[in-house]
């Protein structure tokens, strides 16, 4: 495998990792919001 091909693959992998991290971060904030909503709802019903 040539050096250029290796660099290209490395860059592609880094992009994938960054994309996955963004997804995880998004999921985390979404779950936090859901948890907050659920907590509010259970308080108001209780």
PDB file of N, CA and C in Angstrom:
ATOM      1  N   UNK A   1       0.857  -1.205   0.000  1.00  0.00           N
ATOM      2  CA  UNK A   1       0.000   0.000   0.000  1.00  0.00           C
ATOM      3  C   UNK A   1       0.889   1.250   0.000  1.00  0.00           C
ATOM      4  N   UNK A   2       0.606   2.146  -0.905  1.00  0.00           N
ATOM      5  CA  UNK A   2       1.427   3.358  -1.006  1.00  0.00           C
ATOM      6  C   UNK A   2       1.103   4.339   0.118  1.00  0.00           C
ATOM      7  N   UNK A   3       2.009   5.270   0.337  1.00  0.00           N
ATOM      8  CA  UNK A   3       1.844   6.267   1.393  1.00  0.00           C
ATOM      9  C   UNK A   3       0.597   7.119   1.153  1.00  0.00           C
ATOM     10  N   UNK A   4       0.349   7.495  -0.107  1.00  0.00           N
ATOM     11  CA  UNK A   4      -0.795   8.355  -0.429  1.00  0.00           C
ATOM     12  C   UNK A   4      -2.108   7.643  -0.121  1.00  0.00           C
ATOM     13  N   UNK A   5      -2.185   6.372  -0.509  1.00  0.00           N
ATOM     14  CA  UNK A   5      -3.406   5.603  -0.248  1.00  0.00           C
ATOM     15  C   UNK A   5      -3.642   5.492   1.251  1.00  0.00           C
ATOM     16  N   UNK A   6      -2.555   5.238   1.967  1.00  0.00           N
ATOM     17  CA  UNK A   6      -2.651   5.115   3.415  1.00  0.00           C
ATOM     18  C   UNK A   6      -3.190   6.405   4.029  1.00  0.00           C
ATOM     19  N   UNK A   7      -2.667   7.552   3.578  1.00  0.00           N
ATOM     20  CA  UNK A   7      -3.119   8.843   4.106  1.00  0.00           C
ATOM     21  C   UNK A   7      -4.590   9.063   3.820  1.00  0.00           C
ATOM     22  N   UNK A   8      -5.005   8.705   2.597  1.00  0.00           N
ATOM     23  CA  UNK A   8      -6.411   8.888   2.225  1.00  0.00           C
ATOM     24  C   UNK A   8      -7.310   8.067   3.136  1.00  0.00           C
ATOM     25  N   UNK A   9      -6.909   6.818   3.376  1.00  0.00           N
ATOM     26  CA  UNK A   9      -7.717   5.946   4.230  1.00  0.00           C
ATOM     27  C   UNK A   9      -7.789   6.482   5.651  1.00  0.00           C
ATOM     28  N   UNK A  10      -6.653   6.972   6.131  1.00  0.00           N
ATOM     29  CA  UNK A  10      -6.592   7.519   7.484  1.00  0.00           C
ATOM     30  C   UNK A  10      -7.541   8.707   7.608  1.00  0.00           C
ATOM     31  N   UNK A  11      -7.525   9.575   6.600  1.00  0.00           N
ATOM     32  CA  UNK A  11      -8.388  10.755   6.616  1.00  0.00           C
ATOM     33  C   UNK A  11      -9.853  10.342   6.618  1.00  0.00           C
ATOM     34  N   UNK A  12     -10.178   9.342   5.798  1.00  0.00           N
ATOM     35  CA  UNK A  12     -11.560   8.864   5.728  1.00  0.00           C
ATOM     36  C   UNK A  12     -12.004   8.312   7.079  1.00  0.00           C
ATOM     37  N   UNK A  13     -11.120   7.577   7.727  1.00  0.00           N
ATOM     38  CA  UNK A  13     -11.459   7.025   9.034  1.00  0.00           C
ATOM     39  C   UNK A  13     -11.695   8.127  10.059  1.00  0.00           C
ATOM     40  N   UNK A  14     -10.864   9.150  10.030  1.00  0.00           N
ATOM     41  CA  UNK A  14     -11.024  10.262  10.967  1.00  0.00           C
ATOM     42  C   UNK A  14     -12.361  10.964  10.737  1.00  0.00           C
ATOM     43  N   UNK A  15     -12.750  11.113   9.476  1.00  0.00           N
ATOM     44  CA  UNK A  15     -14.041  11.728   9.174  1.00  0.00           C
ATOM     45  C   UNK A  15     -15.173  10.889   9.744  1.00  0.00           C
ATOM     46  N   UNK A  16     -15.057   9.572   9.576  1.00  0.00           N
ATOM     47  CA  UNK A  16     -16.082   8.678  10.111  1.00  0.00           C
ATOM     48  C   UNK A  16     -16.179   8.803  11.619  1.00  0.00           C
ATOM     49  N   UNK A  17     -15.030   8.844  12.277  1.00  0.00           N
ATOM     50  CA  UNK A  17     -15.004   8.948  13.737  1.00  0.00           C
ATOM     51  C   UNK A  17     -15.641  10.256  14.188  1.00  0.00           C
ATOM     52  N   UNK A  18     -15.285  11.356  13.514  1.00  0.00           N
ATOM     53  CA  UNK A  18     -15.875  12.647  13.866  1.00  0.00           C
ATOM     54  C   UNK A  18     -17.377  12.621  13.689  1.00  0.00           C
ATOM     55  N   UNK A  19     -17.823  11.987  12.597  1.00  0.00           N
ATOM     56  CA  UNK A  19     -19.252  11.895  12.338  1.00  0.00           C
ATOM     57  C   UNK A  19     -19.945  11.103  13.440  1.00  0.00           C
ATOM     58  N   UNK A  20     -19.347   9.986  13.827  1.00  0.00           N
ATOM     59  CA  UNK A  20     -19.938   9.159  14.877  1.00  0.00           C
ATOM     60  C   UNK A  20     -19.993   9.916  16.198  1.00  0.00           C
ATOM     61  N   UNK A  21     -18.930  10.665  16.499  1.00  0.00           N
ATOM     62  CA  UNK A  21     -18.914  11.428  17.741  1.00  0.00           C
ATOM     63  C   UNK A  21     -20.037  12.461  17.750  1.00  0.00           C
ATOM     64  N   UNK A  22     -20.270  13.104  16.591  1.00  0.00           N
ATOM     65  CA  UNK A  22     -21.357  14.077  16.508  1.00  0.00           C
ATOM     66  C   UNK A  22     -22.690  13.399  16.755  1.00  0.00           C
ATOM     67  N   UNK A  23     -22.862  12.202  16.175  1.00  0.00           N
ATOM     68  CA  UNK A  23     -24.096  11.451  16.358  1.00  0.00           C
ATOM     69  C   UNK A  23     -24.313  11.139  17.839  1.00  0.00           C
ATOM     70  N   UNK A  24     -23.258  10.657  18.487  1.00  0.00           N
ATOM     71  CA  UNK A  24     -23.355  10.305  19.909  1.00  0.00           C
ATOM     72  C   UNK A  24     -23.728  11.526  20.732  1.00  0.00           C
ATOM     73  N   UNK A  25     -23.081  12.658  20.428  1.00  0.00           N
ATOM     74  CA  UNK A  25     -23.354  13.888  21.165  1.00  0.00           C
ATOM     75  C   UNK A  25     -24.810  14.293  20.974  1.00  0.00           C
ATOM     76  N   UNK A  26     -25.297  14.164  19.746  1.00  0.00           N
ATOM     77  CA  UNK A  26     -26.688  14.505  19.462  1.00  0.00           C
ATOM     78  C   UNK A  26     -27.629  13.589  20.242  1.00  0.00           C
ATOM     79  N   UNK A  27     -27.351  12.281  20.209  1.00  0.00           N
ATOM     80  CA  UNK A  27     -28.183  11.331  20.942  1.00  0.00           C
ATOM     81  C   UNK A  27     -28.200  11.669  22.427  1.00  0.00           C
ATOM     82  N   UNK A  28     -27.049  12.064  22.950  1.00  0.00           N
ATOM     83  CA  UNK A  28     -26.949  12.372  24.374  1.00  0.00           C
ATOM     84  C   UNK A  28     -27.831  13.563  24.740  1.00  0.00           C
ATOM     85  N   UNK A  29     -27.768  14.630  23.963  1.00  0.00           N
ATOM     86  CA  UNK A  29     -28.587  15.801  24.282  1.00  0.00           C
ATOM     87  C   UNK A  29     -30.060  15.460  24.121  1.00  0.00           C
ATOM     88  N   UNK A  30     -30.383  14.639  23.115  1.00  0.00           N
ATOM     89  CA  UNK A  30     -31.770  14.233  22.909  1.00  0.00           C
ATOM     90  C   UNK A  30     -32.272  13.448  24.115  1.00  0.00           C
ATOM     91  N   UNK A  31     -31.471  12.513  24.595  1.00  0.00           N
ATOM     92  CA  UNK A  31     -31.868  11.710  25.754  1.00  0.00           C
ATOM     93  C   UNK A  31     -32.003  12.583  26.995  1.00  0.00           C
ATOM     94  N   UNK A  32     -31.081  13.534  27.153  1.00  0.00           N
ATOM     95  CA  UNK A  32     -31.160  14.434  28.304  1.00  0.00           C
ATOM     96  C   UNK A  32     -32.474  15.219  28.276  1.00  0.00           C
ATOM     97  N   UNK A  33     -32.846  15.698  27.090  1.00  0.00           N
ATOM     98  CA  UNK A  33     -34.089  16.453  26.968  1.00  0.00           C
ATOM     99  C   UNK A  33     -35.280  15.573  27.290  1.00  0.00           C
ATOM    100  N   UNK A  34     -35.263  14.348  26.768  1.00  0.00           N
ATOM    101  CA  UNK A  34     -36.355  13.412  27.033  1.00  0.00           C
ATOM    102  C   UNK A  34     -36.480  13.158  28.540  1.00  0.00           C
ATOM    103  N   UNK A  35     -35.344  12.933  29.173  1.00  0.00           N
ATOM    104  CA  UNK A  35     -35.343  12.667  30.613  1.00  0.00           C
ATOM    105  C   UNK A  35     -35.916  13.856  31.375  1.00  0.00           C
ATOM    106  N   UNK A  36     -35.548  15.067  30.962  1.00  0.00           N
ATOM    107  CA  UNK A  36     -36.051  16.263  31.624  1.00  0.00           C
ATOM    108  C   UNK A  36     -37.566  16.369  31.452  1.00  0.00           C
ATOM    109  N   UNK A  37     -38.048  16.085  30.243  1.00  0.00           N
ATOM    110  CA  UNK A  37     -39.485  16.148  29.990  1.00  0.00           C
ATOM    111  C   UNK A  37     -40.228  15.116  30.825  1.00  0.00           C
ATOM    112  N   UNK A  38     -39.701  13.913  30.856  1.00  0.00           N
ATOM    113  CA  UNK A  38     -40.344  12.845  31.630  1.00  0.00           C
ATOM    114  C   UNK A  38     -40.394  13.225  33.105  1.00  0.00           C
ATOM    115  N   UNK A  39     -39.300  13.782  33.608  1.00  0.00           N
ATOM    116  CA  UNK A  39     -39.246  14.185  35.012  1.00  0.00           C
ATOM    117  C   UNK A  39     -40.301  15.258  35.289  1.00  0.00           C
ATOM    118  N   UNK A  40     -40.418  16.241  34.400  1.00  0.00           N
ATOM    119  CA  UNK A  40     -41.405  17.301  34.584  1.00  0.00           C
ATOM    120  C   UNK A  40     -42.818  16.716  34.592  1.00  0.00           C
ATOM    121  N   UNK A  41     -43.082  15.813  33.652  1.00  0.00           N
ATOM    122  CA  UNK A  41     -44.411  15.226  33.551  1.00  0.00           C
ATOM    123  C   UNK A  41     -44.771  14.441  34.802  1.00  0.00           C
ATOM    124  N   UNK A  42     -43.827  13.661  35.314  1.00  0.00           N
ATOM    125  CA  UNK A  42     -44.134  12.851  36.489  1.00  0.00           C
ATOM    126  C   UNK A  42     -44.344  13.751  37.713  1.00  0.00           C
ATOM    127  N   UNK A  43     -43.637  14.870  37.775  1.00  0.00           N
ATOM    128  CA  UNK A  43     -43.841  15.800  38.891  1.00  0.00           C
ATOM    129  C   UNK A  43     -45.234  16.420  38.819  1.00  0.00           C
ATOM    130  N   UNK A  44     -45.627  16.852  37.637  1.00  0.00           N
ATOM    131  CA  UNK A  44     -46.919  17.523  37.515  1.00  0.00           C
ATOM    132  C   UNK A  44     -48.069  16.562  37.770  1.00  0.00           C
ATOM    133  N   UNK A  45     -47.885  15.289  37.410  1.00  0.00           N
ATOM    134  CA  UNK A  45     -48.954  14.316  37.653  1.00  0.00           C
ATOM    135  C   UNK A  45     -48.997  13.919  39.128  1.00  0.00           C
ATOM    136  N   UNK A  46     -47.812  13.866  39.752  1.00  0.00           N
ATOM    137  CA  UNK A  46     -47.734  13.416  41.147  1.00  0.00           C
ATOM    138  C   UNK A  46     -48.357  14.433  42.054  1.00  0.00           C
TER     139      UNK A  46
END
